[in-house]
Amino acid sequence: MTSQIKTALLLALLSGIIIVLGGLLGGRTGVIFAFGLALLMNVGSYWYSDKIVLSMYRARELAPEEAPYLHKIVEELAANAGIPKPRICVVPEEAPNAFATGRNPEHAVVAVTDGIMRLLSPEELRGVLAHEMGHIVNRDILIQTVAGVMASAIVTLANIFQFTAIFGGGNRDEEGGMNPIAALAMALLAPMAAGLIQMAISRSREFLADETGAALCGQPLALAGALTKLGIASGSIPMQQGNPSTEQMFIVAPMFAVGGMANLFSTHPPLEERIRRLREMAASNR
């Protein structure tokens, strides 16, 4: 099974969860409403994914004169990758991290936090930007954004349904509805399912982005060093804004100041495994 087919199936499952929740909330009417919502979210995420995520993190675009070195790196990496130069944005966060978004390479954005630019050496920062460029080249950015938006909606719907199941006895239409205990179980399991789906989408793609990024920048060890520093820092400096449902978009899993069920799941493979693979790649290139 190709990664494209696997991702399409996983996104279809996210839509299916939304539709099931809609049915539990409102019967046939709820199914119709949820189907429309899932369709709207897929279409909306395609056209406005970068705007949704960038506004969520209060990111602003960096002009070339504000960060000439950063623009030079991105321009060189884009040329190596054979894609248009992405826009560059900065996120006002001390937590060191980075992500890419957009619907395709022609409308891509690379975003870095204030913290990551202070933490990493120029070579390590180049490795991080190459990793994000890898996501753009591999066309992961739209998939990750859509999954984040839809998973966030699933968690919201599940919370509403949990309240309904507890205080309203669940949906009981002419077809008999469902037992309140089963309804409550569904409300609890839906966000867990959304988190597991996000995890499945993200993990395999992170390994591929590491490999592609290391090839683009020509320095696997620089990316490995960046991941080491980011792993240490991300566990102690939480993100002050954003949504845990977008966690899979970042180069390393961020810790959010506000907790939530999404934080129970790791959307990234172990950093130790990613670093080991990059070191093996560097050794094979000698």
Protein backbone atom coordinates (compact mmCIF):
# COMPACT_ATOMS: atom_id res chain seq x y z
CA MET A 1 0.00 0.00 0.00
CA THR A 2 1.45 3.36 -1.01
CA SER A 3 1.64 6.21 1.48
CA GLN A 4 -0.84 8.21 -0.63
CA ILE A 5 -3.47 5.45 -0.50
CA LYS A 6 -2.85 4.88 3.21
CA THR A 7 -3.25 8.59 3.95
CA ALA A 8 -6.44 8.82 1.87
CA LEU A 9 -7.91 5.90 3.81
CA LEU A 10 -6.96 7.46 7.14
CA LEU A 11 -8.52 10.79 6.20
CA ALA A 12 -11.66 8.96 5.09
CA LEU A 13 -11.74 7.33 8.52
CA LEU A 14 -11.54 10.76 10.17
CA SER A 15 -14.54 11.85 8.13
CA GLY A 16 -16.30 8.64 9.08
CA ILE A 17 -15.81 9.31 12.78
CA ILE A 18 -17.30 12.79 12.37
CA ILE A 19 -20.33 11.33 10.57
CA VAL A 20 -20.83 8.62 13.24
CA LEU A 21 -20.68 11.25 15.98
CA GLY A 22 -23.16 13.37 14.07
CA GLY A 23 -25.54 10.41 13.88
CA LEU A 24 -25.22 9.75 17.58
CA LEU A 25 -25.89 13.39 18.33
CA GLY A 26 -28.85 13.89 16.00
CA GLY A 27 -29.88 10.71 14.21
CA ARG A 28 -30.41 11.00 10.45
CA THR A 29 -30.34 14.79 10.63
CA GLY A 30 -27.06 14.61 12.52
CA VAL A 31 -25.55 12.31 9.85
CA ILE A 32 -26.50 14.75 7.09
CA PHE A 33 -25.11 17.70 9.07
CA ALA A 34 -21.88 15.84 9.93
CA PHE A 35 -21.38 14.75 6.31
CA GLY A 36 -21.67 18.36 5.20
CA LEU A 37 -19.29 19.43 7.96
CA ALA A 38 -16.70 16.81 6.99
CA LEU A 39 -16.94 17.83 3.33
CA LEU A 40 -16.67 21.52 4.21
CA MET A 41 -13.64 20.89 6.40
CA ASN A 42 -11.87 18.91 3.66
CA VAL A 43 -12.51 21.59 1.05
CA GLY A 44 -11.82 24.47 3.43
CA SER A 45 -8.60 22.92 4.65
CA TYR A 46 -7.41 22.49 1.08
CA TRP A 47 -7.83 26.14 0.15
CA TYR A 48 -7.12 27.84 3.49
CA SER A 49 -4.82 25.45 5.38
CA ASP A 50 -1.91 27.87 5.60
CA LYS A 51 -4.11 30.77 6.75
CA ILE A 52 -5.85 28.63 9.41
CA VAL A 53 -2.64 27.35 10.97
CA LEU A 54 -0.64 30.56 10.66
CA SER A 55 -3.39 32.59 12.33
CA MET A 56 -3.66 29.97 15.06
CA TYR A 57 0.00 30.55 15.94
CA ARG A 58 -0.02 34.32 15.27
CA ALA A 59 2.71 33.85 12.65
CA ARG A 60 3.82 36.77 10.50
CA GLU A 61 5.71 36.72 7.22
CA LEU A 62 9.38 37.67 7.32
CA ALA A 63 10.62 40.08 4.66
CA PRO A 64 14.02 39.28 3.08
CA GLU A 65 15.63 42.32 4.72
CA GLU A 66 14.49 41.15 8.17
CA ALA A 67 16.22 37.76 7.95
CA PRO A 68 18.51 37.67 4.89
CA TYR A 69 20.38 34.57 6.06
CA LEU A 70 17.16 32.63 6.61
CA HIS A 71 15.87 33.61 3.18
CA LYS A 72 19.18 32.60 1.59
CA ILE A 73 19.03 29.13 3.15
CA VAL A 74 15.43 28.55 2.06
CA GLU A 75 16.18 29.80 -1.45
CA GLU A 76 19.14 27.40 -1.80
CA LEU A 77 17.18 24.44 -0.43
CA ALA A 78 14.23 25.18 -2.72
CA ALA A 79 16.60 25.25 -5.70
CA ASN A 80 18.07 21.91 -4.62
CA ALA A 81 14.56 20.48 -4.32
CA GLY A 82 13.39 21.94 -7.63
CA ILE A 83 10.39 23.74 -6.10
CA PRO A 84 9.40 27.42 -5.79
CA LYS A 85 10.80 29.21 -2.76
CA PRO A 86 8.23 28.98 0.08
CA ARG A 87 7.14 31.98 2.09
CA ILE A 88 8.89 32.28 5.46
CA CYS A 89 7.07 33.13 8.67
CA VAL A 90 8.09 33.57 12.28
CA VAL A 91 6.01 32.42 15.25
CA PRO A 92 6.30 34.51 18.46
CA GLU A 93 7.12 31.52 20.69
CA GLU A 94 10.07 30.72 22.94
CA ALA A 95 9.46 27.00 22.42
CA PRO A 96 11.94 26.01 19.69
CA ASN A 97 10.14 24.37 16.79
CA ALA A 98 9.25 24.63 13.10
CA PHE A 99 6.57 23.47 10.68
CA ALA A 100 5.47 23.75 7.06
CA THR A 101 1.97 24.25 5.72
CA GLY A 102 0.13 25.03 2.48
CA ARG A 103 -1.82 23.06 -0.11
CA ASN A 104 1.07 22.36 -2.52
CA PRO A 105 4.70 23.39 -3.23
CA GLU A 106 3.48 26.47 -5.13
CA HIS A 107 1.60 27.75 -2.05
CA ALA A 108 3.88 26.50 0.72
CA VAL A 109 4.96 28.25 3.90
CA VAL A 110 7.81 27.41 6.26
CA ALA A 111 7.42 28.74 9.80
CA VAL A 112 10.02 28.88 12.56
CA THR A 113 9.67 30.05 16.16
CA ASP A 114 11.75 32.77 17.75
CA GLY A 115 13.14 30.15 20.09
CA ILE A 116 14.53 27.84 17.41
CA MET A 117 16.50 30.63 15.77
CA ARG A 118 18.21 31.37 19.07
CA LEU A 119 18.85 27.75 20.01
CA LEU A 120 20.38 26.22 16.88
CA SER A 121 23.62 26.82 15.02
CA PRO A 122 23.36 27.96 11.38
CA GLU A 123 24.11 24.41 10.16
CA GLU A 124 21.49 22.89 12.46
CA LEU A 125 18.89 25.48 11.42
CA ARG A 126 19.64 24.62 7.80
CA GLY A 127 18.99 20.97 8.62
CA VAL A 128 15.63 21.83 10.19
CA LEU A 129 14.58 23.95 7.21
CA ALA A 130 15.64 21.10 4.90
CA HIS A 131 13.41 18.72 6.89
CA GLU A 132 10.45 21.06 6.42
CA MET A 133 11.33 21.37 2.75
CA GLY A 134 11.20 17.58 2.66
CA HIS A 135 7.58 17.68 3.85
CA ILE A 136 6.80 20.12 1.03
CA VAL A 137 8.55 18.01 -1.62
CA ASN A 138 6.82 14.85 -0.36
CA ARG A 139 3.46 16.68 -0.32
CA ASP A 140 2.80 16.00 3.36
CA ILE A 141 1.81 19.54 4.28
CA LEU A 142 -1.81 19.44 3.10
CA ILE A 143 -2.39 15.98 4.58
CA GLN A 144 -1.07 17.01 7.99
CA THR A 145 -3.09 20.23 8.08
CA VAL A 146 -6.35 18.55 7.07
CA ALA A 147 -5.81 15.81 9.65
CA GLY A 148 -5.18 18.41 12.36
CA VAL A 149 -8.27 20.45 11.56
CA MET A 150 -10.52 17.40 11.36
CA ALA A 151 -9.11 15.80 14.50
CA SER A 152 -9.76 19.04 16.37
CA ALA A 153 -13.37 18.95 15.19
CA ILE A 154 -13.72 15.33 16.31
CA VAL A 155 -12.51 16.18 19.80
CA THR A 156 -14.97 19.11 19.96
CA LEU A 157 -17.89 16.99 18.76
CA ALA A 158 -16.97 14.21 21.18
CA ASN A 159 -16.94 16.64 24.09
CA ILE A 160 -20.40 17.87 23.09
CA PHE A 161 -21.64 14.31 22.78
CA GLN A 162 -20.16 13.34 26.13
CA PHE A 163 -22.19 16.12 27.76
CA THR A 164 -25.31 14.98 25.87
CA ALA A 165 -24.79 11.34 26.85
CA ILE A 166 -24.42 12.18 30.53
CA PHE A 167 -27.24 14.70 30.87
CA GLY A 168 -29.53 13.80 27.97
CA GLY A 169 -29.35 10.02 27.87
CA GLY A 170 -27.88 9.94 24.37
CA ASN A 171 -29.76 10.01 21.08
CA ARG A 172 -32.92 7.86 21.03
CA ASP A 173 -34.81 8.09 17.74
CA GLU A 174 -37.36 5.82 16.19
CA GLU A 175 -34.65 3.27 15.53
CA GLY A 176 -33.99 2.87 19.23
CA GLY A 177 -30.95 5.09 19.70
CA MET A 178 -28.19 3.74 21.86
CA ASN A 179 -27.51 2.89 25.46
CA PRO A 180 -26.18 5.90 27.44
CA ILE A 181 -23.18 3.82 28.55
CA ALA A 182 -22.34 2.97 24.94
CA ALA A 183 -22.86 6.62 24.01
CA LEU A 184 -20.46 7.74 26.71
CA ALA A 185 -17.91 5.14 25.60
CA MET A 186 -18.11 6.45 22.03
CA ALA A 187 -17.62 10.00 23.25
CA LEU A 188 -14.46 8.94 25.06
CA LEU A 189 -13.09 6.73 22.29
CA ALA A 190 -13.60 9.16 19.39
CA PRO A 191 -10.82 11.60 20.40
CA MET A 192 -8.55 8.62 21.06
CA ALA A 193 -9.28 7.32 17.56
CA ALA A 194 -8.54 10.74 16.08
CA GLY A 195 -5.22 10.83 17.92
CA LEU A 196 -4.26 7.35 16.74
CA ILE A 197 -5.10 8.25 13.15
CA GLN A 198 -2.97 11.38 13.33
CA MET A 199 -0.15 9.32 14.81
CA ALA A 200 -0.33 6.82 11.95
CA ILE A 201 -0.26 9.60 9.35
CA SER A 202 2.65 11.43 10.89
CA ARG A 203 5.13 8.80 12.01
CA SER A 204 6.04 7.28 8.65
CA ARG A 205 6.20 10.72 7.03
CA GLU A 206 8.66 12.08 9.61
CA PHE A 207 11.23 9.42 8.72
CA LEU A 208 10.83 10.24 5.03
CA ALA A 209 11.11 14.01 5.66
CA ASP A 210 14.31 13.42 7.67
CA GLU A 211 15.79 11.40 4.81
CA THR A 212 14.73 13.93 2.17
CA GLY A 213 15.91 16.87 4.26
CA ALA A 214 19.31 15.31 4.95
CA ALA A 215 19.78 14.75 1.22
CA LEU A 216 18.75 18.34 0.39
CA CYS A 217 21.12 19.97 2.87
CA GLY A 218 23.87 17.36 2.50
CA GLN A 219 24.42 17.27 6.28
CA PRO A 220 22.56 14.45 8.03
CA LEU A 221 24.54 15.06 11.23
CA ALA A 222 23.46 18.71 11.35
CA LEU A 223 19.81 17.62 11.34
CA ALA A 224 20.61 14.94 13.93
CA GLY A 225 22.22 17.56 16.16
CA ALA A 226 19.22 19.85 15.77
CA LEU A 227 16.83 17.05 16.74
CA THR A 228 18.91 16.34 19.84
CA LYS A 229 18.69 19.96 21.00
CA LEU A 230 15.02 20.29 20.11
CA GLY A 231 14.15 17.10 21.96
CA ILE A 232 15.68 18.43 25.16
CA ALA A 233 14.15 21.90 24.84
CA SER A 234 10.66 20.81 23.77
CA GLY A 235 10.21 18.88 27.00
CA SER A 236 10.81 21.93 29.16
CA ILE A 237 9.49 24.91 27.18
CA PRO A 238 5.75 24.58 26.39
CA MET A 239 3.99 26.25 23.49
CA GLN A 240 1.82 29.07 24.82
CA GLN A 241 -0.63 29.09 21.90
CA GLY A 242 -2.04 26.78 19.26
CA ASN A 243 -3.90 23.48 19.39
CA PRO A 244 -2.59 20.00 20.31
CA SER A 245 -4.46 18.64 17.27
CA THR A 246 -1.83 20.33 15.04
CA GLU A 247 1.02 18.65 16.89
CA GLN A 248 1.90 16.39 13.95
CA MET A 249 2.88 19.40 11.81
CA PHE A 250 5.95 20.28 13.90
CA ILE A 251 9.44 18.85 13.46
CA VAL A 252 9.35 17.61 17.07
CA ALA A 253 6.22 17.03 19.15
CA PRO A 254 5.59 20.24 21.11
CA MET A 255 4.39 20.39 24.69
CA PHE A 256 1.42 22.72 25.08
CA ALA A 257 0.80 24.94 28.10
CA VAL A 258 -2.85 23.87 28.05
CA GLY A 259 -3.23 20.10 28.31
CA GLY A 260 -5.79 17.96 26.56
CA MET A 261 -6.61 14.44 25.44
CA ALA A 262 -4.54 14.93 22.30
CA ASN A 263 -1.44 15.13 24.49
CA LEU A 264 -1.90 11.46 25.40
CA PHE A 265 -0.67 10.44 21.96
CA SER A 266 2.73 10.90 20.37
CA THR A 267 2.37 11.88 16.72
CA HIS A 268 6.11 11.52 16.11
CA PRO A 269 8.41 8.50 16.05
CA PRO A 270 11.01 8.33 18.84
CA LEU A 271 13.71 10.96 18.41
CA GLU A 272 16.36 8.37 19.23
CA GLU A 273 15.30 6.32 16.21
CA ARG A 274 15.27 9.35 13.92
CA ILE A 275 18.74 10.40 15.10
CA ARG A 276 20.08 6.85 14.71
CA ARG A 277 18.86 6.70 11.11
CA LEU A 278 20.42 10.05 10.28
CA ARG A 279 23.77 8.98 11.73
CA GLU A 280 23.64 5.77 9.70
CA MET A 281 22.90 7.88 6.61
CA ALA A 282 25.91 10.10 7.33
CA ALA A 283 28.14 7.04 7.83
CA SER A 284 27.03 5.51 4.52
CA ASN A 285 27.84 8.75 2.68
CA ARG A 286 31.48 8.74 3.77
